[in-house]
Amino acid sequence: MCAASNIGVTLKLFAELIEIAKPHAAAMHRTAPQQIEHWAWLGKAVEENPELSVPFTQDTPLAVEKVKEGSLTEYPFSSK
């Protein structure tokens, strides 16, 4: 989420979706609304990049942040 659009909006969600999100949110140290927002962003990224695998799409934001902080290490590919 971009800092300039960090304004909350009230949405009506199905109670079932909130209940489904709760254990996932707890595992990822998020609130249920944050988990649902995460799923929405991931779904958008997957739809915009159908040629990429879901795990690759999930890992890309983490890799970007690691590059920004300088803690990303090169993956050693093996040649057979």
N, C-alpha and C. Protein backbone atom coordinates (compact mmCIF):
# COMPACT_ATOMS: atom_id res chain seq x y z
N MET A 1 0.85 -1.17 0.00
CA MET A 1 0.00 0.00 0.00
C MET A 1 0.89 1.23 0.00
N CYS A 2 0.54 2.19 -0.78
CA CYS A 2 1.32 3.41 -0.84
C CYS A 2 0.96 4.32 0.33
N ALA A 3 1.94 5.03 0.85
CA ALA A 3 1.75 5.83 2.05
C ALA A 3 0.67 6.89 1.88
N ALA A 4 0.56 7.44 0.69
CA ALA A 4 -0.41 8.51 0.45
C ALA A 4 -1.85 8.00 0.53
N SER A 5 -2.05 6.69 0.32
CA SER A 5 -3.42 6.16 0.34
C SER A 5 -3.67 5.33 1.59
N ASN A 6 -3.05 5.69 2.68
CA ASN A 6 -3.17 4.94 3.92
C ASN A 6 -4.41 5.37 4.71
N ILE A 7 -5.53 5.51 4.00
CA ILE A 7 -6.78 5.93 4.60
C ILE A 7 -7.70 4.72 4.65
N GLY A 8 -8.25 4.42 5.82
CA GLY A 8 -9.13 3.27 5.95
C GLY A 8 -10.47 3.49 5.31
N VAL A 9 -11.05 2.40 4.82
CA VAL A 9 -12.37 2.41 4.22
C VAL A 9 -13.14 1.26 4.85
N THR A 10 -14.37 1.49 5.19
CA THR A 10 -15.19 0.44 5.78
C THR A 10 -15.80 -0.41 4.67
N LEU A 11 -15.63 -1.72 4.79
CA LEU A 11 -16.22 -2.66 3.83
C LEU A 11 -17.06 -3.68 4.58
N LYS A 12 -18.10 -4.14 3.95
CA LYS A 12 -18.87 -5.24 4.52
C LYS A 12 -18.33 -6.52 3.90
N LEU A 13 -17.90 -7.44 4.75
CA LEU A 13 -17.38 -8.72 4.30
C LEU A 13 -18.21 -9.84 4.89
N PHE A 14 -18.24 -10.95 4.22
CA PHE A 14 -18.93 -12.11 4.76
C PHE A 14 -18.24 -12.56 6.04
N ALA A 15 -19.02 -12.86 7.06
CA ALA A 15 -18.46 -13.33 8.33
C ALA A 15 -17.61 -14.59 8.11
N GLU A 16 -18.03 -15.42 7.17
CA GLU A 16 -17.28 -16.65 6.88
C GLU A 16 -15.85 -16.32 6.39
N LEU A 17 -15.71 -15.30 5.57
CA LEU A 17 -14.39 -14.90 5.08
C LEU A 17 -13.51 -14.43 6.24
N ILE A 18 -14.08 -13.68 7.14
CA ILE A 18 -13.33 -13.20 8.30
C ILE A 18 -12.89 -14.38 9.16
N GLU A 19 -13.78 -15.35 9.36
CA GLU A 19 -13.43 -16.54 10.15
C GLU A 19 -12.33 -17.36 9.48
N ILE A 20 -12.38 -17.47 8.16
CA ILE A 20 -11.35 -18.19 7.41
C ILE A 20 -10.01 -17.47 7.55
N ALA A 21 -10.04 -16.15 7.55
CA ALA A 21 -8.81 -15.35 7.61
C ALA A 21 -8.14 -15.39 8.98
N LYS A 22 -8.90 -15.58 10.04
CA LYS A 22 -8.34 -15.47 11.40
C LYS A 22 -7.14 -16.38 11.66
N PRO A 23 -7.19 -17.69 11.39
CA PRO A 23 -6.01 -18.51 11.68
C PRO A 23 -4.81 -18.16 10.79
N HIS A 24 -5.09 -17.80 9.53
CA HIS A 24 -4.01 -17.39 8.63
C HIS A 24 -3.36 -16.11 9.14
N ALA A 25 -4.20 -15.19 9.59
CA ALA A 25 -3.71 -13.91 10.12
C ALA A 25 -2.85 -14.13 11.35
N ALA A 26 -3.31 -14.98 12.26
CA ALA A 26 -2.55 -15.25 13.47
C ALA A 26 -1.19 -15.85 13.15
N ALA A 27 -1.16 -16.75 12.18
CA ALA A 27 0.10 -17.39 11.79
C ALA A 27 1.09 -16.40 11.20
N MET A 28 0.57 -15.35 10.57
CA MET A 28 1.44 -14.37 9.90
C MET A 28 1.57 -13.07 10.71
N HIS A 29 1.07 -13.08 11.95
CA HIS A 29 1.13 -11.90 12.83
C HIS A 29 0.44 -10.69 12.20
N ARG A 30 -0.75 -10.96 11.64
CA ARG A 30 -1.57 -9.90 11.05
C ARG A 30 -2.94 -9.94 11.72
N THR A 31 -3.70 -8.89 11.51
CA THR A 31 -5.11 -8.92 11.90
C THR A 31 -5.88 -9.59 10.76
N ALA A 32 -7.11 -10.00 11.02
CA ALA A 32 -7.93 -10.59 9.95
C ALA A 32 -8.10 -9.61 8.78
N PRO A 33 -8.40 -8.33 9.03
CA PRO A 33 -8.50 -7.40 7.90
C PRO A 33 -7.17 -7.25 7.12
N GLN A 34 -6.06 -7.27 7.83
CA GLN A 34 -4.76 -7.19 7.15
C GLN A 34 -4.54 -8.43 6.29
N GLN A 35 -4.98 -9.60 6.78
CA GLN A 35 -4.82 -10.83 6.01
C GLN A 35 -5.67 -10.79 4.75
N ILE A 36 -6.89 -10.32 4.87
CA ILE A 36 -7.77 -10.21 3.71
C ILE A 36 -7.20 -9.21 2.70
N GLU A 37 -6.64 -8.11 3.20
CA GLU A 37 -5.99 -7.14 2.31
C GLU A 37 -4.79 -7.79 1.60
N HIS A 38 -4.01 -8.58 2.35
CA HIS A 38 -2.87 -9.29 1.75
C HIS A 38 -3.35 -10.21 0.62
N TRP A 39 -4.42 -10.97 0.89
CA TRP A 39 -4.96 -11.85 -0.15
C TRP A 39 -5.43 -11.06 -1.36
N ALA A 40 -6.01 -9.91 -1.14
CA ALA A 40 -6.48 -9.08 -2.26
C ALA A 40 -5.30 -8.61 -3.11
N TRP A 41 -4.24 -8.12 -2.46
CA TRP A 41 -3.06 -7.67 -3.20
C TRP A 41 -2.41 -8.83 -3.95
N LEU A 42 -2.32 -10.00 -3.31
CA LEU A 42 -1.73 -11.17 -3.96
C LEU A 42 -2.58 -11.59 -5.16
N GLY A 43 -3.90 -11.62 -5.00
CA GLY A 43 -4.77 -11.97 -6.10
C GLY A 43 -4.62 -11.02 -7.28
N LYS A 44 -4.49 -9.74 -6.98
CA LYS A 44 -4.28 -8.73 -8.03
C LYS A 44 -2.96 -8.99 -8.75
N ALA A 45 -1.90 -9.26 -7.99
CA ALA A 45 -0.58 -9.52 -8.59
C ALA A 45 -0.60 -10.77 -9.45
N VAL A 46 -1.29 -11.81 -9.00
CA VAL A 46 -1.37 -13.05 -9.76
C VAL A 46 -2.14 -12.82 -11.06
N GLU A 47 -3.25 -12.10 -10.99
CA GLU A 47 -4.02 -11.83 -12.20
C GLU A 47 -3.24 -10.97 -13.20
N GLU A 48 -2.42 -10.04 -12.69
CA GLU A 48 -1.65 -9.16 -13.57
C GLU A 48 -0.42 -9.85 -14.15
N ASN A 49 -0.02 -10.98 -13.57
CA ASN A 49 1.19 -11.69 -14.02
C ASN A 49 0.91 -13.18 -14.16
N PRO A 50 0.01 -13.56 -15.08
CA PRO A 50 -0.39 -14.97 -15.18
C PRO A 50 0.75 -15.90 -15.59
N GLU A 51 1.81 -15.36 -16.15
CA GLU A 51 2.93 -16.19 -16.59
C GLU A 51 3.83 -16.60 -15.42
N LEU A 52 3.65 -15.97 -14.25
CA LEU A 52 4.48 -16.28 -13.08
C LEU A 52 3.75 -17.22 -12.14
N SER A 53 4.51 -18.07 -11.46
CA SER A 53 3.90 -18.97 -10.49
C SER A 53 3.44 -18.17 -9.27
N VAL A 54 2.47 -18.71 -8.55
CA VAL A 54 1.98 -18.04 -7.34
C VAL A 54 3.11 -17.90 -6.30
N PRO A 55 3.90 -18.98 -6.03
CA PRO A 55 5.00 -18.80 -5.06
C PRO A 55 5.99 -17.71 -5.46
N PHE A 56 6.29 -17.60 -6.76
CA PHE A 56 7.19 -16.55 -7.21
C PHE A 56 6.57 -15.18 -6.94
N THR A 57 5.28 -15.06 -7.25
CA THR A 57 4.57 -13.80 -7.03
C THR A 57 4.53 -13.46 -5.54
N GLN A 58 4.36 -14.47 -4.68
CA GLN A 58 4.34 -14.24 -3.24
C GLN A 58 5.70 -13.78 -2.73
N ASP A 59 6.77 -14.34 -3.27
CA ASP A 59 8.12 -14.04 -2.79
C ASP A 59 8.70 -12.73 -3.32
N THR A 60 8.16 -12.21 -4.41
CA THR A 60 8.73 -11.02 -5.03
C THR A 60 8.74 -9.80 -4.11
N PRO A 61 7.66 -9.46 -3.39
CA PRO A 61 7.73 -8.28 -2.51
C PRO A 61 8.80 -8.42 -1.42
N LEU A 62 8.98 -9.64 -0.89
CA LEU A 62 10.02 -9.86 0.11
C LEU A 62 11.40 -9.63 -0.50
N ALA A 63 11.61 -10.14 -1.71
CA ALA A 63 12.90 -9.95 -2.37
C ALA A 63 13.18 -8.47 -2.63
N VAL A 64 12.16 -7.73 -3.02
CA VAL A 64 12.33 -6.28 -3.26
C VAL A 64 12.77 -5.59 -1.98
N GLU A 65 12.13 -5.92 -0.86
CA GLU A 65 12.50 -5.31 0.42
C GLU A 65 13.91 -5.70 0.85
N LYS A 66 14.30 -6.94 0.58
CA LYS A 66 15.65 -7.37 0.93
C LYS A 66 16.70 -6.64 0.09
N VAL A 67 16.39 -6.38 -1.17
CA VAL A 67 17.31 -5.61 -2.02
C VAL A 67 17.44 -4.20 -1.47
N LYS A 68 16.32 -3.59 -1.08
CA LYS A 68 16.35 -2.23 -0.53
C LYS A 68 17.22 -2.13 0.71
N GLU A 69 17.17 -3.15 1.57
CA GLU A 69 17.96 -3.11 2.81
C GLU A 69 19.36 -3.69 2.63
N GLY A 70 19.64 -4.21 1.44
CA GLY A 70 20.98 -4.74 1.16
C GLY A 70 21.25 -6.11 1.76
N SER A 71 20.21 -6.86 2.10
CA SER A 71 20.44 -8.16 2.73
C SER A 71 20.15 -9.34 1.81
N LEU A 72 19.97 -9.10 0.54
CA LEU A 72 19.70 -10.18 -0.39
C LEU A 72 21.00 -10.81 -0.86
N THR A 73 21.04 -12.10 -0.85
CA THR A 73 22.23 -12.80 -1.33
C THR A 73 21.89 -13.52 -2.64
N GLU A 74 22.89 -13.68 -3.49
CA GLU A 74 22.70 -14.31 -4.78
C GLU A 74 22.46 -15.80 -4.59
N TYR A 75 21.51 -16.32 -5.33
CA TYR A 75 21.21 -17.75 -5.26
C TYR A 75 22.21 -18.51 -6.13
N PRO A 76 22.89 -19.51 -5.55
CA PRO A 76 23.88 -20.27 -6.32
C PRO A 76 23.20 -21.36 -7.15
N PHE A 77 23.04 -21.13 -8.44
CA PHE A 77 22.48 -22.14 -9.34
C PHE A 77 23.56 -23.17 -9.64
N SER A 78 23.16 -24.41 -9.67
CA SER A 78 24.13 -25.45 -10.01
C SER A 78 24.00 -25.78 -11.48
N SER A 79 25.11 -25.99 -12.12
CA SER A 79 25.08 -26.36 -13.53
C SER A 79 25.40 -27.85 -13.61
N LYS A 80 24.55 -28.56 -14.29
CA LYS A 80 24.73 -30.02 -14.40
C LYS A 80 25.30 -30.40 -15.71
